[in-house]
C-alpha atoms as a PDB file:
ATOM      1  CA  UNK A   1       6.854  32.498   3.354  1.00  0.00           C
ATOM      2  CA  UNK A   2       3.979  30.369   3.921  1.00  0.00           C
ATOM      3  CA  UNK A   3       3.821  32.826   6.505  1.00  0.00           C
ATOM      4  CA  UNK A   4       3.280  35.188   4.993  1.00  0.00           C
ATOM      5  CA  UNK A   5       1.313  34.419   1.973  1.00  0.00           C
ATOM      6  CA  UNK A   6      -1.258  33.132   4.564  1.00  0.00           C
ATOM      7  CA  UNK A   7      -2.220  36.406   5.960  1.00  0.00           C
ATOM      8  CA  UNK A   8      -2.513  37.440   2.635  1.00  0.00           C
ATOM      9  CA  UNK A   9      -5.262  34.836   1.392  1.00  0.00           C
ATOM     10  CA  UNK A  10      -6.958  35.288   4.930  1.00  0.00           C
ATOM     11  CA  UNK A  11      -7.337  38.945   4.319  1.00  0.00           C
ATOM     12  CA  UNK A  12      -8.935  38.751   1.590  1.00  0.00           C
ATOM     13  CA  UNK A  13      -7.051  38.836  -1.398  1.00  0.00           C
ATOM     14  CA  UNK A  14      -7.015  36.276  -4.335  1.00  0.00           C
ATOM     15  CA  UNK A  15      -4.164  33.769  -4.854  1.00  0.00           C
ATOM     16  CA  UNK A  16      -2.370  35.299  -7.553  1.00  0.00           C
ATOM     17  CA  UNK A  17      -2.717  38.382  -6.413  1.00  0.00           C
ATOM     18  CA  UNK A  18      -1.395  37.732  -2.934  1.00  0.00           C
ATOM     19  CA  UNK A  19       1.670  35.671  -4.362  1.00  0.00           C
ATOM     20  CA  UNK A  20       1.989  39.277  -6.520  1.00  0.00           C
ATOM     21  CA  UNK A  21       2.125  41.333  -3.137  1.00  0.00           C
ATOM     22  CA  UNK A  22       4.323  38.997  -1.566  1.00  0.00           C
ATOM     23  CA  UNK A  23       6.772  38.944  -4.305  1.00  0.00           C
ATOM     24  CA  UNK A  24       7.166  42.360  -4.105  1.00  0.00           C
ATOM     25  CA  UNK A  25       7.796  42.348  -0.462  1.00  0.00           C
ATOM     26  CA  UNK A  26      10.950  39.953  -1.379  1.00  0.00           C
ATOM     27  CA  UNK A  27      14.044  40.952  -1.738  1.00  0.00           C
ATOM     28  CA  UNK A  28      15.412  40.009  -5.531  1.00  0.00           C
ATOM     29  CA  UNK A  29      16.646  37.239  -5.820  1.00  0.00           C
ATOM     30  CA  UNK A  30      15.690  33.728  -7.488  1.00  0.00           C
ATOM     31  CA  UNK A  31      12.746  32.982  -4.820  1.00  0.00           C
ATOM     32  CA  UNK A  32      11.312  35.992  -6.081  1.00  0.00           C
ATOM     33  CA  UNK A  33      11.056  35.050  -9.434  1.00  0.00           C
ATOM     34  CA  UNK A  34       9.882  31.534  -8.555  1.00  0.00           C
ATOM     35  CA  UNK A  35       6.575  32.959  -6.653  1.00  0.00           C
ATOM     36  CA  UNK A  36       5.919  35.562  -9.569  1.00  0.00           C
ATOM     37  CA  UNK A  37       6.465  32.417 -11.612  1.00  0.00           C
ATOM     38  CA  UNK A  38       3.794  30.498  -9.574  1.00  0.00           C
ATOM     39  CA  UNK A  39       1.215  33.457  -9.562  1.00  0.00           C
ATOM     40  CA  UNK A  40       1.365  33.762 -13.739  1.00  0.00           C
ATOM     41  CA  UNK A  41       0.332  29.693 -13.660  1.00  0.00           C
ATOM     42  CA  UNK A  42      -2.299  30.578 -11.396  1.00  0.00           C
ATOM     43  CA  UNK A  43      -3.906  33.331 -13.908  1.00  0.00           C
ATOM     44  CA  UNK A  44      -3.300  30.218 -16.313  1.00  0.00           C
ATOM     45  CA  UNK A  45      -5.605  27.742 -14.509  1.00  0.00           C
ATOM     46  CA  UNK A  46      -3.015  25.978 -12.801  1.00  0.00           C
ATOM     47  CA  UNK A  47      -3.874  25.092  -8.876  1.00  0.00           C
ATOM     48  CA  UNK A  48      -0.917  26.395  -6.594  1.00  0.00           C
ATOM     49  CA  UNK A  49       0.007  22.325  -5.868  1.00  0.00           C
ATOM     50  CA  UNK A  50       0.535  21.835  -9.735  1.00  0.00           C
ATOM     51  CA  UNK A  51       2.296  25.054  -9.930  1.00  0.00           C
ATOM     52  CA  UNK A  52       4.783  23.877  -6.647  1.00  0.00           C
ATOM     53  CA  UNK A  53       5.538  20.648  -7.631  1.00  0.00           C
ATOM     54  CA  UNK A  54       7.757  22.351 -10.775  1.00  0.00           C
ATOM     55  CA  UNK A  55      10.625  23.457  -8.009  1.00  0.00           C
ATOM     56  CA  UNK A  56      10.261  20.260  -5.978  1.00  0.00           C
ATOM     57  CA  UNK A  57      14.191  21.229  -4.827  1.00  0.00           C
ATOM     58  CA  UNK A  58      12.798  23.954  -3.371  1.00  0.00           C
ATOM     59  CA  UNK A  59       9.167  22.378  -2.159  1.00  0.00           C
ATOM     60  CA  UNK A  60       9.441  19.081  -0.235  1.00  0.00           C
ATOM     61  CA  UNK A  61       6.267  16.208  -0.340  1.00  0.00           C
ATOM     62  CA  UNK A  62       5.191  17.653   2.803  1.00  0.00           C
ATOM     63  CA  UNK A  63       4.450  20.876   1.421  1.00  0.00           C
ATOM     64  CA  UNK A  64       2.816  20.464  -1.924  1.00  0.00           C
ATOM     65  CA  UNK A  65       0.402  17.873  -0.073  1.00  0.00           C
ATOM     66  CA  UNK A  66      -0.794  20.335   2.706  1.00  0.00           C
ATOM     67  CA  UNK A  67      -1.254  22.520  -0.363  1.00  0.00           C
ATOM     68  CA  UNK A  68      -3.357  19.981  -2.520  1.00  0.00           C
ATOM     69  CA  UNK A  69      -5.066  18.878   0.661  1.00  0.00           C
ATOM     70  CA  UNK A  70      -6.512  22.623   1.601  1.00  0.00           C
ATOM     71  CA  UNK A  71      -7.060  23.344  -1.774  1.00  0.00           C
ATOM     72  CA  UNK A  72      -9.595  19.979  -2.050  1.00  0.00           C
ATOM     73  CA  UNK A  73     -11.403  21.551   1.071  1.00  0.00           C
ATOM     74  CA  UNK A  74     -11.576  24.927  -0.570  1.00  0.00           C
ATOM     75  CA  UNK A  75      -9.760  26.579   2.455  1.00  0.00           C
ATOM     76  CA  UNK A  76      -6.633  27.352   1.006  1.00  0.00           C
ATOM     77  CA  UNK A  77      -5.504  29.896   3.877  1.00  0.00           C
ATOM     78  CA  UNK A  78      -6.344  27.813   6.925  1.00  0.00           C
ATOM     79  CA  UNK A  79      -3.870  25.017   5.217  1.00  0.00           C
ATOM     80  CA  UNK A  80      -1.369  27.315   4.072  1.00  0.00           C
ATOM     81  CA  UNK A  81      -0.954  29.064   8.013  1.00  0.00           C
ATOM     82  CA  UNK A  82      -1.215  24.988   9.525  1.00  0.00           C
ATOM     83  CA  UNK A  83       1.622  24.645   6.747  1.00  0.00           C
ATOM     84  CA  UNK A  84       3.100  27.748   8.129  1.00  0.00           C
ATOM     85  CA  UNK A  85       3.212  26.461  11.940  1.00  0.00           C
ATOM     86  CA  UNK A  86       4.748  23.306  10.636  1.00  0.00           C
ATOM     87  CA  UNK A  87       7.264  24.241   9.278  1.00  0.00           C
ATOM     88  CA  UNK A  88       8.004  26.731  12.259  1.00  0.00           C
ATOM     89  CA  UNK A  89       7.466  23.826  14.645  1.00  0.00           C
ATOM     90  CA  UNK A  90      10.214  21.721  12.401  1.00  0.00           C
ATOM     91  CA  UNK A  91      12.610  24.401  12.270  1.00  0.00           C
ATOM     92  CA  UNK A  92      12.441  24.743  16.386  1.00  0.00           C
ATOM     93  CA  UNK A  93      12.827  21.380  16.552  1.00  0.00           C
ATOM     94  CA  UNK A  94      16.178  21.382  14.216  1.00  0.00           C
ATOM     95  CA  UNK A  95      17.091  23.655  16.467  1.00  0.00           C
ATOM     96  CA  UNK A  96      17.148  22.183  19.592  1.00  0.00           C
ATOM     97  CA  UNK A  97      18.331  19.118  17.904  1.00  0.00           C
ATOM     98  CA  UNK A  98      21.203  21.133  16.543  1.00  0.00           C
ATOM     99  CA  UNK A  99      21.737  22.718  20.026  1.00  0.00           C
ATOM    100  CA  UNK A 100      22.018  18.962  21.863  1.00  0.00           C
ATOM    101  CA  UNK A 101      24.641  17.648  19.316  1.00  0.00           C
ATOM    102  CA  UNK A 102      26.281  20.633  19.315  1.00  0.00           C
ATOM    103  CA  UNK A 103      29.021  20.139  22.001  1.00  0.00           C
ATOM    104  CA  UNK A 104      29.111  16.553  21.249  1.00  0.00           C
ATOM    105  CA  UNK A 105      30.320  17.262  17.892  1.00  0.00           C
ATOM    106  CA  UNK A 106      32.868  19.801  19.526  1.00  0.00           C
ATOM    107  CA  UNK A 107      34.091  17.132  21.609  1.00  0.00           C
ATOM    108  CA  UNK A 108      34.364  14.912  18.625  1.00  0.00           C
ATOM    109  CA  UNK A 109      35.731  17.088  16.231  1.00  0.00           C
ATOM    110  CA  UNK A 110      38.763  18.188  18.863  1.00  0.00           C
ATOM    111  CA  UNK A 111      38.946  14.613  19.855  1.00  0.00           C
ATOM    112  CA  UNK A 112      40.184  14.179  15.756  1.00  0.00           C
ATOM    113  CA  UNK A 113      42.909  16.911  15.959  1.00  0.00           C
ATOM    114  CA  UNK A 114      44.518  15.534  18.644  1.00  0.00           C
ATOM    115  CA  UNK A 115      44.276  12.263  17.532  1.00  0.00           C
ATOM    116  CA  UNK A 116      45.622  13.659  14.069  1.00  0.00           C
ATOM    117  CA  UNK A 117      48.512  15.781  15.495  1.00  0.00           C
ATOM    118  CA  UNK A 118      49.356  12.621  17.505  1.00  0.00           C
ATOM    119  CA  UNK A 119      49.667  10.310  14.210  1.00  0.00           C
ATOM    120  CA  UNK A 120      51.160  12.980  11.521  1.00  0.00           C
ATOM    121  CA  UNK A 121      54.069  14.590  14.360  1.00  0.00           C
ATOM    122  CA  UNK A 122      54.561  13.083  17.983  1.00  0.00           C
ATOM    123  CA  UNK A 123      54.401   8.956  17.010  1.00  0.00           C
ATOM    124  CA  UNK A 124      56.814   9.075  14.055  1.00  0.00           C
ATOM    125  CA  UNK A 125      59.282  10.746  16.104  1.00  0.00           C
ATOM    126  CA  UNK A 126      59.006   7.471  17.764  1.00  0.00           C
ATOM    127  CA  UNK A 127      58.738   4.971  15.321  1.00  0.00           C
ATOM    128  CA  UNK A 128      62.551   5.486  14.435  1.00  0.00           C
ATOM    129  CA  UNK A 129      63.183   5.007  18.286  1.00  0.00           C
ATOM    130  CA  UNK A 130      61.260   1.443  18.007  1.00  0.00           C
ATOM    131  CA  UNK A 131      63.148   0.549  15.177  1.00  0.00           C
ATOM    132  CA  UNK A 132      66.907   1.810  16.039  1.00  0.00           C
ATOM    133  CA  UNK A 133      66.980  -0.620  19.057  1.00  0.00           C
ATOM    134  CA  UNK A 134      64.759  -3.212  17.757  1.00  0.00           C
ATOM    135  CA  UNK A 135      62.807  -4.010  21.142  1.00  0.00           C
ATOM    136  CA  UNK A 136      59.478  -5.723  20.545  1.00  0.00           C
ATOM    137  CA  UNK A 137      56.469  -3.601  20.545  1.00  0.00           C
ATOM    138  CA  UNK A 138      52.945  -4.613  21.670  1.00  0.00           C
ATOM    139  CA  UNK A 139      50.136  -5.252  19.146  1.00  0.00           C
ATOM    140  CA  UNK A 140      48.285  -1.802  19.865  1.00  0.00           C
ATOM    141  CA  UNK A 141      51.514  -0.053  19.370  1.00  0.00           C
ATOM    142  CA  UNK A 142      52.130  -1.403  15.881  1.00  0.00           C
ATOM    143  CA  UNK A 143      48.915  -0.746  15.172  1.00  0.00           C
ATOM    144  CA  UNK A 144      49.417   2.862  16.637  1.00  0.00           C
ATOM    145  CA  UNK A 145      52.480   2.772  13.899  1.00  0.00           C
ATOM    146  CA  UNK A 146      50.680   1.315  10.682  1.00  0.00           C
ATOM    147  CA  UNK A 147      48.259   4.346  10.974  1.00  0.00           C
ATOM    148  CA  UNK A 148      50.819   6.560  11.319  1.00  0.00           C
ATOM    149  CA  UNK A 149      52.688   5.798   8.518  1.00  0.00           C
ATOM    150  CA  UNK A 150      49.148   5.237   6.091  1.00  0.00           C
ATOM    151  CA  UNK A 151      47.907   8.843   7.359  1.00  0.00           C
ATOM    152  CA  UNK A 152      51.521  10.710   6.847  1.00  0.00           C
ATOM    153  CA  UNK A 153      51.366   8.477   3.021  1.00  0.00           C
ATOM    154  CA  UNK A 154      47.862   8.589   1.595  1.00  0.00           C
ATOM    155  CA  UNK A 155      45.993  11.206   4.001  1.00  0.00           C
ATOM    156  CA  UNK A 156      44.110  12.484   1.227  1.00  0.00           C
ATOM    157  CA  UNK A 157      42.565   9.317  -0.061  1.00  0.00           C
ATOM    158  CA  UNK A 158      41.871   8.153   3.128  1.00  0.00           C
ATOM    159  CA  UNK A 159      39.766  11.911   4.048  1.00  0.00           C
ATOM    160  CA  UNK A 160      38.095  11.243   0.333  1.00  0.00           C
ATOM    161  CA  UNK A 161      37.618   7.615   1.602  1.00  0.00           C
ATOM    162  CA  UNK A 162      35.681   8.692   4.605  1.00  0.00           C
ATOM    163  CA  UNK A 163      33.790  11.582   3.199  1.00  0.00           C
ATOM    164  CA  UNK A 164      32.215   9.159   0.729  1.00  0.00           C
ATOM    165  CA  UNK A 165      31.945   6.551   3.463  1.00  0.00           C
ATOM    166  CA  UNK A 166      29.743   8.633   5.338  1.00  0.00           C
ATOM    167  CA  UNK A 167      27.444   9.643   2.446  1.00  0.00           C
ATOM    168  CA  UNK A 168      27.154   6.107   1.335  1.00  0.00           C
ATOM    169  CA  UNK A 169      26.480   5.507   5.056  1.00  0.00           C
ATOM    170  CA  UNK A 170      23.765   8.568   5.253  1.00  0.00           C
ATOM    171  CA  UNK A 171      22.143   7.176   1.894  1.00  0.00           C
ATOM    172  CA  UNK A 172      21.911   3.587   2.830  1.00  0.00           C
ATOM    173  CA  UNK A 173      20.431   4.510   6.825  1.00  0.00           C
ATOM    174  CA  UNK A 174      17.922   6.985   5.180  1.00  0.00           C
ATOM    175  CA  UNK A 175      16.821   4.086   2.661  1.00  0.00           C
ATOM    176  CA  UNK A 176      16.344   1.891   4.970  1.00  0.00           C
ATOM    177  CA  UNK A 177      13.972   4.060   7.820  1.00  0.00           C
ATOM    178  CA  UNK A 178      11.680   5.311   4.677  1.00  0.00           C
ATOM    179  CA  UNK A 179      11.127   1.299   4.535  1.00  0.00           C
ATOM    180  CA  UNK A 180       8.510  -0.176   7.465  1.00  0.00           C
ATOM    181  CA  UNK A 181      10.728  -2.455   8.944  1.00  0.00           C
ATOM    182  CA  UNK A 182      13.285   0.709   9.206  1.00  0.00           C
ATOM    183  CA  UNK A 183      10.466   2.611  10.224  1.00  0.00           C
ATOM    184  CA  UNK A 184       9.718  -0.119  12.745  1.00  0.00           C
ATOM    185  CA  UNK A 185      13.453  -0.134  13.893  1.00  0.00           C
ATOM    186  CA  UNK A 186      13.657   3.651  14.395  1.00  0.00           C
ATOM    187  CA  UNK A 187      10.362   3.332  16.667  1.00  0.00           C
ATOM    188  CA  UNK A 188      11.826   0.985  18.777  1.00  0.00           C
ATOM    189  CA  UNK A 189      15.535   2.605  19.098  1.00  0.00           C
ATOM    190  CA  UNK A 190      16.097   4.313  23.122  1.00  0.00           C
ATOM    191  CA  UNK A 191      15.381   7.471  23.344  1.00  0.00           C
ATOM    192  CA  UNK A 192      15.660   8.356  19.535  1.00  0.00           C
ATOM    193  CA  UNK A 193      12.484   5.626  18.927  1.00  0.00           C
ATOM    194  CA  UNK A 194      10.306   8.367  21.486  1.00  0.00           C
ATOM    195  CA  UNK A 195      11.535  11.305  19.894  1.00  0.00           C
ATOM    196  CA  UNK A 196      10.447  10.184  16.965  1.00  0.00           C
ATOM    197  CA  UNK A 197       6.797   9.227  18.148  1.00  0.00           C
ATOM    198  CA  UNK A 198       5.905  11.904  20.365  1.00  0.00           C
ATOM    199  CA  UNK A 199       7.096  14.849  17.906  1.00  0.00           C
ATOM    200  CA  UNK A 200       4.935  12.886  15.655  1.00  0.00           C
ATOM    201  CA  UNK A 201       2.141  12.757  17.873  1.00  0.00           C
ATOM    202  CA  UNK A 202       3.181  16.632  18.913  1.00  0.00           C
ATOM    203  CA  UNK A 203       2.522  17.546  14.593  1.00  0.00           C
ATOM    204  CA  UNK A 204      -0.578  15.520  14.451  1.00  0.00           C
ATOM    205  CA  UNK A 205      -2.426  17.145  17.007  1.00  0.00           C
ATOM    206  CA  UNK A 206      -1.364  20.567  16.638  1.00  0.00           C
ATOM    207  CA  UNK A 207      -2.374  20.449  12.850  1.00  0.00           C
ATOM    208  CA  UNK A 208      -5.780  18.527  14.112  1.00  0.00           C
ATOM    209  CA  UNK A 209      -6.286  21.762  16.566  1.00  0.00           C
ATOM    210  CA  UNK A 210      -5.593  24.152  14.150  1.00  0.00           C
ATOM    211  CA  UNK A 211      -7.258  23.015  11.467  1.00  0.00           C
ATOM    212  CA  UNK A 212     -10.756  22.186  13.140  1.00  0.00           C
ATOM    213  CA  UNK A 213     -10.421  25.254  15.047  1.00  0.00           C
ATOM    214  CA  UNK A 214     -11.333  27.325  11.887  1.00  0.00           C
ATOM    215  CA  UNK A 215     -14.277  25.323  11.170  1.00  0.00           C
ATOM    216  CA  UNK A 216     -12.532  22.261   8.911  1.00  0.00           C
ATOM    217  CA  UNK A 217     -13.801  18.629   9.662  1.00  0.00           C
ATOM    218  CA  UNK A 218     -12.043  16.443  11.593  1.00  0.00           C
ATOM    219  CA  UNK A 219     -11.475  13.724   8.501  1.00  0.00           C
ATOM    220  CA  UNK A 220     -10.125  16.424   6.652  1.00  0.00           C
ATOM    221  CA  UNK A 221      -8.015  17.620   9.355  1.00  0.00           C
ATOM    222  CA  UNK A 222      -6.767  14.536   9.645  1.00  0.00           C
ATOM    223  CA  UNK A 223      -5.951  14.229   5.958  1.00  0.00           C
ATOM    224  CA  UNK A 224      -4.040  17.187   6.348  1.00  0.00           C
ATOM    225  CA  UNK A 225      -1.945  15.954   9.164  1.00  0.00           C
ATOM    226  CA  UNK A 226      -1.339  12.735   7.113  1.00  0.00           C
ATOM    227  CA  UNK A 227       0.999  14.418   5.068  1.00  0.00           C
ATOM    228  CA  UNK A 228       2.889  15.601   7.889  1.00  0.00           C
ATOM    229  CA  UNK A 229       4.592  12.125   8.827  1.00  0.00           C
ATOM    230  CA  UNK A 230       7.336  10.847   7.190  1.00  0.00           C
ATOM    231  CA  UNK A 231       7.705   7.532   9.220  1.00  0.00           C
ATOM    232  CA  UNK A 232       6.017   4.677   7.454  1.00  0.00           C
ATOM    233  CA  UNK A 233       4.387   3.507  10.159  1.00  0.00           C
ATOM    234  CA  UNK A 234       3.120   6.353  11.508  1.00  0.00           C
ATOM    235  CA  UNK A 235       1.462   7.014   8.137  1.00  0.00           C
ATOM    236  CA  UNK A 236      -0.322   3.572   8.034  1.00  0.00           C
ATOM    237  CA  UNK A 237      -0.921   3.777  11.387  1.00  0.00           C
ATOM    238  CA  UNK A 238      -2.630   7.598  10.271  1.00  0.00           C
ATOM    239  CA  UNK A 239      -3.946   6.168   7.374  1.00  0.00           C
ATOM    240  CA  UNK A 240      -6.097   3.014   9.518  1.00  0.00           C
ATOM    241  CA  UNK A 241      -7.710   5.730  11.488  1.00  0.00           C
ATOM    242  CA  UNK A 242      -8.841   7.855   9.054  1.00  0.00           C
ATOM    243  CA  UNK A 243     -10.364   4.566   7.381  1.00  0.00           C
ATOM    244  CA  UNK A 244     -12.032   3.941  10.720  1.00  0.00           C
ATOM    245  CA  UNK A 245     -13.719   7.358  11.256  1.00  0.00           C
ATOM    246  CA  UNK A 246     -14.622   7.182   7.382  1.00  0.00           C
ATOM    247  CA  UNK A 247     -16.692   4.275   8.170  1.00  0.00           C
ATOM    248  CA  UNK A 248     -18.569   5.659  11.481  1.00  0.00           C
ATOM    249  CA  UNK A 249     -16.115   5.625  14.239  1.00  0.00           C
ATOM    250  CA  UNK A 250     -15.482   7.980  16.730  1.00  0.00           C
ATOM    251  CA  UNK A 251     -12.186   9.203  16.950  1.00  0.00           C
ATOM    252  CA  UNK A 252     -11.035   7.832  20.132  1.00  0.00           C
ATOM    253  CA  UNK A 253     -12.984   4.482  19.170  1.00  0.00           C
ATOM    254  CA  UNK A 254     -10.584   4.470  15.894  1.00  0.00           C
ATOM    255  CA  UNK A 255      -7.389   5.767  18.112  1.00  0.00           C
ATOM    256  CA  UNK A 256      -8.367   2.432  19.891  1.00  0.00           C
ATOM    257  CA  UNK A 257      -9.247   0.337  17.601  1.00  0.00           C
ATOM    258  CA  UNK A 258      -6.226   1.348  14.584  1.00  0.00           C
ATOM    259  CA  UNK A 259      -3.913   4.467  16.492  1.00  0.00           C
ATOM    260  CA  UNK A 260      -1.284   2.414  17.104  1.00  0.00           C
ATOM    261  CA  UNK A 261       1.535   4.194  17.988  1.00  0.00           C
ATOM    262  CA  UNK A 262      -1.093   6.886  18.362  1.00  0.00           C
ATOM    263  CA  UNK A 263      -2.687   5.399  20.895  1.00  0.00           C
ATOM    264  CA  UNK A 264      -1.487   6.595  23.782  1.00  0.00           C
ATOM    265  CA  UNK A 265      -2.849   6.790  26.993  1.00  0.00           C
ATOM    266  CA  UNK A 266      -3.412   9.908  27.887  1.00  0.00           C
ATOM    267  CA  UNK A 267      -4.048  10.842  24.482  1.00  0.00           C
ATOM    268  CA  UNK A 268      -6.909   8.332  24.329  1.00  0.00           C
ATOM    269  CA  UNK A 269      -8.235   9.592  28.026  1.00  0.00           C
ATOM    270  CA  UNK A 270      -7.855  13.019  26.763  1.00  0.00           C
ATOM    271  CA  UNK A 271      -9.658  12.669  23.508  1.00  0.00           C
ATOM    272  CA  UNK A 272     -12.741  11.162  25.164  1.00  0.00           C
ATOM    273  CA  UNK A 273     -12.830  13.528  27.288  1.00  0.00           C
ATOM    274  CA  UNK A 274     -13.028  16.206  24.361  1.00  0.00           C
ATOM    275  CA  UNK A 275     -15.770  14.277  22.516  1.00  0.00           C
ATOM    276  CA  UNK A 276     -17.924  14.144  25.092  1.00  0.00           C
ATOM    277  CA  UNK A 277     -17.038  18.302  26.129  1.00  0.00           C
ATOM    278  CA  UNK A 278     -17.137  19.314  22.317  1.00  0.00           C
ATOM    279  CA  UNK A 279     -14.122  20.746  22.849  1.00  0.00           C
ATOM    280  CA  UNK A 280     -11.741  18.815  20.374  1.00  0.00           C
ATOM    281  CA  UNK A 281      -9.680  21.576  18.819  1.00  0.00           C
ATOM    282  CA  UNK A 282      -9.029  22.787  22.429  1.00  0.00           C
ATOM    283  CA  UNK A 283      -8.142  19.158  23.378  1.00  0.00           C
ATOM    284  CA  UNK A 284      -6.321  18.215  20.924  1.00  0.00           C
ATOM    285  CA  UNK A 285      -3.844  21.382  21.086  1.00  0.00           C
ATOM    286  CA  UNK A 286      -3.298  20.785  24.313  1.00  0.00           C
ATOM    287  CA  UNK A 287      -2.102  17.274  23.197  1.00  0.00           C
ATOM    288  CA  UNK A 288       0.242  18.476  20.971  1.00  0.00           C
ATOM    289  CA  UNK A 289       1.561  21.121  23.987  1.00  0.00           C
ATOM    290  CA  UNK A 290       1.860  17.702  26.556  1.00  0.00           C
ATOM    291  CA  UNK A 291       4.231  15.668  23.881  1.00  0.00           C
ATOM    292  CA  UNK A 292       5.922  19.168  23.065  1.00  0.00           C
ATOM    293  CA  UNK A 293       7.006  19.213  26.920  1.00  0.00           C
ATOM    294  CA  UNK A 294       7.595  15.391  26.342  1.00  0.00           C
ATOM    295  CA  UNK A 295      10.301  15.843  22.942  1.00  0.00           C
ATOM    296  CA  UNK A 296      12.047  18.566  25.430  1.00  0.00           C
ATOM    297  CA  UNK A 297      12.314  16.331  28.194  1.00  0.00           C
ATOM    298  CA  UNK A 298      13.428  13.615  25.946  1.00  0.00           C
ATOM    299  CA  UNK A 299      16.032  16.371  24.433  1.00  0.00           C
ATOM    300  CA  UNK A 300      17.419  17.071  27.651  1.00  0.00           C
ATOM    301  CA  UNK A 301      18.036  13.676  28.695  1.00  0.00           C
ATOM    302  CA  UNK A 302      19.630  12.872  25.489  1.00  0.00           C
ATOM    303  CA  UNK A 303      22.023  15.907  25.732  1.00  0.00           C
ATOM    304  CA  UNK A 304      22.471  14.490  29.257  1.00  0.00           C
ATOM    305  CA  UNK A 305      23.948  11.537  28.501  1.00  0.00           C
ATOM    306  CA  UNK A 306      25.592  11.809  25.200  1.00  0.00           C
ATOM    307  CA  UNK A 307      28.047  14.324  26.145  1.00  0.00           C
ATOM    308  CA  UNK A 308      29.938  12.749  29.358  1.00  0.00           C
ATOM    309  CA  UNK A 309      30.065   9.021  27.568  1.00  0.00           C
ATOM    310  CA  UNK A 310      31.506  10.657  24.857  1.00  0.00           C
ATOM    311  CA  UNK A 311      34.011  12.741  27.291  1.00  0.00           C
ATOM    312  CA  UNK A 312      34.861   9.270  28.503  1.00  0.00           C
ATOM    313  CA  UNK A 313      35.026   6.919  25.518  1.00  0.00           C
ATOM    314  CA  UNK A 314      37.197   9.995  23.904  1.00  0.00           C
ATOM    315  CA  UNK A 315      39.140  10.149  26.924  1.00  0.00           C
ATOM    316  CA  UNK A 316      39.859   6.202  26.930  1.00  0.00           C
ATOM    317  CA  UNK A 317      40.545   6.727  23.472  1.00  0.00           C
ATOM    318  CA  UNK A 318      43.379   9.059  23.861  1.00  0.00           C
ATOM    319  CA  UNK A 319      45.029   7.981  26.833  1.00  0.00           C
ATOM    320  CA  UNK A 320      45.220   4.671  25.376  1.00  0.00           C
ATOM    321  CA  UNK A 321      47.341   6.388  22.044  1.00  0.00           C
ATOM    322  CA  UNK A 322      49.651   7.519  24.958  1.00  0.00           C
ATOM    323  CA  UNK A 323      49.973   4.551  26.558  1.00  0.00           C
ATOM    324  CA  UNK A 324      50.700   2.591  23.587  1.00  0.00           C
ATOM    325  CA  UNK A 325      53.917   4.942  22.627  1.00  0.00           C
ATOM    326  CA  UNK A 326      54.676   5.587  26.112  1.00  0.00           C
ATOM    327  CA  UNK A 327      55.008   2.433  27.550  1.00  0.00           C
ATOM    328  CA  UNK A 328      57.262   0.298  24.813  1.00  0.00           C
ATOM    329  CA  UNK A 329      59.280   3.669  25.067  1.00  0.00           C
ATOM    330  CA  UNK A 330      59.546   3.112  28.977  1.00  0.00           C
ATOM    331  CA  UNK A 331      60.647  -0.511  28.499  1.00  0.00           C
ATOM    332  CA  UNK A 332      62.990   0.609  25.782  1.00  0.00           C
ATOM    333  CA  UNK A 333      64.911   3.047  28.529  1.00  0.00           C
ATOM    334  CA  UNK A 334      65.127  -0.365  31.012  1.00  0.00           C
ATOM    335  CA  UNK A 335      66.997  -2.034  28.782  1.00  0.00           C
ATOM    336  CA  UNK A 336      69.669   0.673  28.234  1.00  0.00           C
END
């Protein structure tokens, strides 16, 4: 949607006309009605960002903030183009993450299916045998028998409880990582921290390169890039860089003094060269490409590490379950 709108605005159409043209191209849906409603709001004197704020369930704070900054600079077309590039980059990143997590997720689901079948159909048949012969069993076997009884008697309650627990953990985790301490912890996790940091650098310099190449001043481009950041620690770093640039620092010096996680050696070296050559926009895009390659390498490493470890752990658990049943059975057979 934003890509098409950016193209229409940059071709010379006024924003309300561009929105109506976009709405006509959309299939009949609730989204089409919303676009028409936004167009009507702008005709009445509202800004695009103000109109988008009425639909926060559809447009995220990042989208609204980027549009607001673009409106303040008077270059809404370039701002929408930058937003489109960011959203496409995020979508591509999420597809890569989905690909990384797909095989481990399928492996885990297969394990849960096998474990459920064992507990529901296999273990109960052995429970009667152990009870009949009165043979004492190990702690692991008693745990397995108890788990089987609970799953058979309260399976729906257990499933609902697990779903509720997953949702609660997800909510608590999201809230924790939105704090400065949680953001710090996230940035220092193995692999995950590098992934968060490098993807933030990639998005930031991609936006800076695009916006400055269109004639937007660096300070405004940095404000737009700030809207793309979700990690509070990274937001603080970029906000301090912006304040330093406003105070008269060069971009390189601002990154050195206040850049924090953005002040990586290769970034500083390239920005320094860009300021000397006057090619900041092209160099920013080069930094974005460099860190996109870093992100891809990290995702590949995660894939190579997670899958074998998960297979080994789940295989060990299945083997443990089988041994917990059959070892006592062999003991019973030995005493007969």
